[in-house]
Amino acid sequence: MSDQNRLMEGLVEEALPGGNFKVRLSDDSVILAYLAGKMRLYHIRVVPGDRVLVEMSPYDKARGRLVRRR
């Protein structure tokens, strides 16, 4: 993982179509996140209420990708 990306913990608030999710981060901001490739490949189910680890985009602070369900 590069130095530009950072991991944050969050809580899934809403499941949206296309594998997208609204996630409330630990700093109380809400972002739009999508499933990472391995989670999609292995059909890891993510539902509202799950705690997740989000890799934040270095360019857009309102988007990220779900890399792990905790």
N, C-alpha and C. Protein backbone atom coordinates (compact mmCIF):
# COMPACT_ATOMS: atom_id res chain seq x y z
N MET A 1 0.85 -1.18 0.00
CA MET A 1 0.00 0.00 0.00
C MET A 1 0.89 1.24 0.00
N SER A 2 0.54 2.23 -0.79
CA SER A 2 1.36 3.42 -0.87
C SER A 2 1.12 4.34 0.32
N ASP A 3 1.99 5.32 0.48
CA ASP A 3 1.88 6.25 1.59
C ASP A 3 0.71 7.21 1.42
N GLN A 4 0.23 7.37 0.18
CA GLN A 4 -0.86 8.32 -0.05
C GLN A 4 -2.18 7.82 0.51
N ASN A 5 -2.38 6.50 0.52
CA ASN A 5 -3.65 5.95 0.98
C ASN A 5 -3.62 5.76 2.48
N ARG A 6 -4.77 5.96 3.12
CA ARG A 6 -4.84 5.73 4.56
C ARG A 6 -6.07 4.91 4.88
N LEU A 7 -5.96 4.13 5.91
CA LEU A 7 -7.06 3.26 6.33
C LEU A 7 -7.80 3.91 7.49
N MET A 8 -9.12 3.81 7.44
CA MET A 8 -9.95 4.33 8.52
C MET A 8 -11.02 3.30 8.83
N GLU A 9 -11.48 3.30 10.07
CA GLU A 9 -12.55 2.40 10.47
C GLU A 9 -13.87 3.14 10.38
N GLY A 10 -14.91 2.41 9.98
CA GLY A 10 -16.21 3.03 9.85
C GLY A 10 -17.34 2.05 10.08
N LEU A 11 -18.56 2.55 10.00
CA LEU A 11 -19.77 1.77 10.20
C LEU A 11 -20.66 1.95 8.97
N VAL A 12 -21.07 0.84 8.38
CA VAL A 12 -21.93 0.90 7.19
C VAL A 12 -23.31 1.38 7.61
N GLU A 13 -23.77 2.46 7.00
CA GLU A 13 -25.09 3.01 7.30
C GLU A 13 -26.15 2.56 6.32
N GLU A 14 -25.78 2.45 5.03
CA GLU A 14 -26.77 2.14 4.02
C GLU A 14 -26.11 1.40 2.86
N ALA A 15 -26.78 0.36 2.36
CA ALA A 15 -26.32 -0.36 1.18
C ALA A 15 -27.01 0.24 -0.04
N LEU A 16 -26.23 0.62 -1.04
CA LEU A 16 -26.75 1.22 -2.26
C LEU A 16 -26.56 0.24 -3.42
N PRO A 17 -27.23 0.46 -4.54
CA PRO A 17 -27.08 -0.44 -5.69
C PRO A 17 -25.65 -0.45 -6.24
N GLY A 18 -25.26 -1.57 -6.83
CA GLY A 18 -23.97 -1.66 -7.51
C GLY A 18 -22.79 -1.89 -6.59
N GLY A 19 -23.03 -2.38 -5.39
CA GLY A 19 -21.91 -2.64 -4.48
C GLY A 19 -21.36 -1.39 -3.81
N ASN A 20 -22.15 -0.34 -3.76
CA ASN A 20 -21.75 0.90 -3.09
C ASN A 20 -22.41 0.97 -1.72
N PHE A 21 -21.76 1.70 -0.81
CA PHE A 21 -22.25 1.81 0.56
C PHE A 21 -22.00 3.21 1.09
N LYS A 22 -22.92 3.69 1.94
CA LYS A 22 -22.67 4.91 2.71
C LYS A 22 -22.05 4.46 4.02
N VAL A 23 -20.90 5.02 4.35
CA VAL A 23 -20.15 4.62 5.53
C VAL A 23 -19.88 5.84 6.40
N ARG A 24 -20.18 5.72 7.70
CA ARG A 24 -19.84 6.77 8.66
C ARG A 24 -18.50 6.42 9.28
N LEU A 25 -17.52 7.29 9.06
CA LEU A 25 -16.16 7.04 9.55
C LEU A 25 -16.02 7.38 11.02
N SER A 26 -14.89 7.01 11.59
CA SER A 26 -14.64 7.25 13.02
C SER A 26 -14.56 8.75 13.33
N ASP A 27 -14.25 9.58 12.32
CA ASP A 27 -14.22 11.04 12.56
C ASP A 27 -15.58 11.68 12.30
N ASP A 28 -16.64 10.86 12.18
CA ASP A 28 -18.04 11.27 12.05
C ASP A 28 -18.39 11.86 10.68
N SER A 29 -17.55 11.67 9.66
CA SER A 29 -17.91 12.08 8.31
C SER A 29 -18.53 10.90 7.58
N VAL A 30 -19.38 11.19 6.60
CA VAL A 30 -20.05 10.14 5.82
C VAL A 30 -19.47 10.15 4.42
N ILE A 31 -19.06 8.96 3.94
CA ILE A 31 -18.46 8.86 2.61
C ILE A 31 -19.20 7.79 1.81
N LEU A 32 -18.92 7.77 0.51
CA LEU A 32 -19.42 6.74 -0.39
C LEU A 32 -18.27 5.77 -0.63
N ALA A 33 -18.49 4.48 -0.39
CA ALA A 33 -17.44 3.49 -0.55
C ALA A 33 -17.95 2.33 -1.39
N TYR A 34 -17.02 1.68 -2.10
CA TYR A 34 -17.37 0.52 -2.91
C TYR A 34 -16.57 -0.68 -2.44
N LEU A 35 -17.01 -1.87 -2.80
CA LEU A 35 -16.33 -3.10 -2.40
C LEU A 35 -15.02 -3.25 -3.15
N ALA A 36 -13.97 -3.61 -2.43
CA ALA A 36 -12.69 -3.91 -3.05
C ALA A 36 -12.81 -5.20 -3.85
N GLY A 37 -11.91 -5.42 -4.77
CA GLY A 37 -11.96 -6.55 -5.69
C GLY A 37 -12.04 -7.91 -5.00
N LYS A 38 -11.23 -8.16 -3.98
CA LYS A 38 -11.23 -9.46 -3.31
C LYS A 38 -12.53 -9.70 -2.56
N MET A 39 -13.12 -8.63 -2.00
CA MET A 39 -14.39 -8.79 -1.29
C MET A 39 -15.50 -9.13 -2.28
N ARG A 40 -15.44 -8.53 -3.46
CA ARG A 40 -16.42 -8.83 -4.50
C ARG A 40 -16.20 -10.23 -5.06
N LEU A 41 -14.94 -10.60 -5.27
CA LEU A 41 -14.58 -11.90 -5.84
C LEU A 41 -15.03 -13.05 -4.95
N TYR A 42 -14.85 -12.92 -3.64
CA TYR A 42 -15.20 -13.98 -2.71
C TYR A 42 -16.57 -13.81 -2.07
N HIS A 43 -17.38 -12.90 -2.62
CA HIS A 43 -18.77 -12.68 -2.19
C HIS A 43 -18.88 -12.43 -0.69
N ILE A 44 -18.01 -11.54 -0.17
CA ILE A 44 -18.08 -11.16 1.23
C ILE A 44 -19.30 -10.26 1.40
N ARG A 45 -20.23 -10.67 2.22
CA ARG A 45 -21.47 -9.93 2.39
C ARG A 45 -21.26 -8.81 3.40
N VAL A 46 -21.68 -7.61 3.01
CA VAL A 46 -21.61 -6.44 3.88
C VAL A 46 -23.02 -5.89 4.01
N VAL A 47 -23.49 -5.71 5.24
CA VAL A 47 -24.84 -5.22 5.49
C VAL A 47 -24.76 -4.00 6.40
N PRO A 48 -25.80 -3.16 6.40
CA PRO A 48 -25.81 -2.01 7.32
C PRO A 48 -25.62 -2.47 8.76
N GLY A 49 -24.76 -1.74 9.47
CA GLY A 49 -24.44 -2.09 10.85
C GLY A 49 -23.07 -2.76 10.99
N ASP A 50 -22.48 -3.21 9.88
CA ASP A 50 -21.16 -3.84 9.92
C ASP A 50 -20.07 -2.80 10.14
N ARG A 51 -19.08 -3.17 10.95
CA ARG A 51 -17.88 -2.34 11.08
C ARG A 51 -16.93 -2.75 9.97
N VAL A 52 -16.36 -1.78 9.28
CA VAL A 52 -15.50 -2.04 8.13
C VAL A 52 -14.23 -1.20 8.19
N LEU A 53 -13.24 -1.64 7.42
CA LEU A 53 -12.01 -0.91 7.25
C LEU A 53 -12.04 -0.31 5.84
N VAL A 54 -11.86 0.99 5.73
CA VAL A 54 -11.99 1.71 4.47
C VAL A 54 -10.64 2.29 4.08
N GLU A 55 -10.23 2.04 2.84
CA GLU A 55 -9.03 2.67 2.30
C GLU A 55 -9.48 3.94 1.59
N MET A 56 -9.04 5.08 2.08
CA MET A 56 -9.48 6.37 1.56
C MET A 56 -8.75 6.71 0.27
N SER A 57 -9.47 7.36 -0.64
CA SER A 57 -8.88 7.84 -1.88
C SER A 57 -7.97 9.03 -1.57
N PRO A 58 -6.77 9.08 -2.16
CA PRO A 58 -5.90 10.23 -1.91
C PRO A 58 -6.37 11.49 -2.63
N TYR A 59 -7.26 11.34 -3.61
CA TYR A 59 -7.69 12.48 -4.41
C TYR A 59 -9.05 13.02 -4.02
N ASP A 60 -9.95 12.15 -3.55
CA ASP A 60 -11.31 12.56 -3.22
C ASP A 60 -11.62 12.08 -1.81
N LYS A 61 -11.72 12.98 -0.88
CA LYS A 61 -11.92 12.62 0.54
C LYS A 61 -13.34 12.16 0.84
N ALA A 62 -14.23 12.17 -0.16
CA ALA A 62 -15.60 11.73 0.05
C ALA A 62 -15.82 10.32 -0.48
N ARG A 63 -14.74 9.65 -0.95
CA ARG A 63 -14.86 8.30 -1.52
C ARG A 63 -13.77 7.39 -0.96
N GLY A 64 -14.07 6.10 -1.00
CA GLY A 64 -13.11 5.11 -0.55
C GLY A 64 -13.54 3.73 -0.98
N ARG A 65 -12.77 2.72 -0.55
CA ARG A 65 -13.16 1.35 -0.86
C ARG A 65 -13.08 0.48 0.38
N LEU A 66 -14.04 -0.42 0.48
CA LEU A 66 -14.10 -1.33 1.64
C LEU A 66 -13.09 -2.44 1.42
N VAL A 67 -12.11 -2.55 2.31
CA VAL A 67 -11.09 -3.58 2.16
C VAL A 67 -11.24 -4.70 3.15
N ARG A 68 -11.99 -4.50 4.24
CA ARG A 68 -12.15 -5.56 5.23
C ARG A 68 -13.41 -5.31 6.06
N ARG A 69 -14.10 -6.41 6.37
CA ARG A 69 -15.23 -6.34 7.29
C ARG A 69 -14.71 -6.81 8.65
N ARG A 70 -15.01 -6.05 9.70
CA ARG A 70 -14.44 -6.37 11.03
C ARG A 70 -15.47 -6.96 11.93
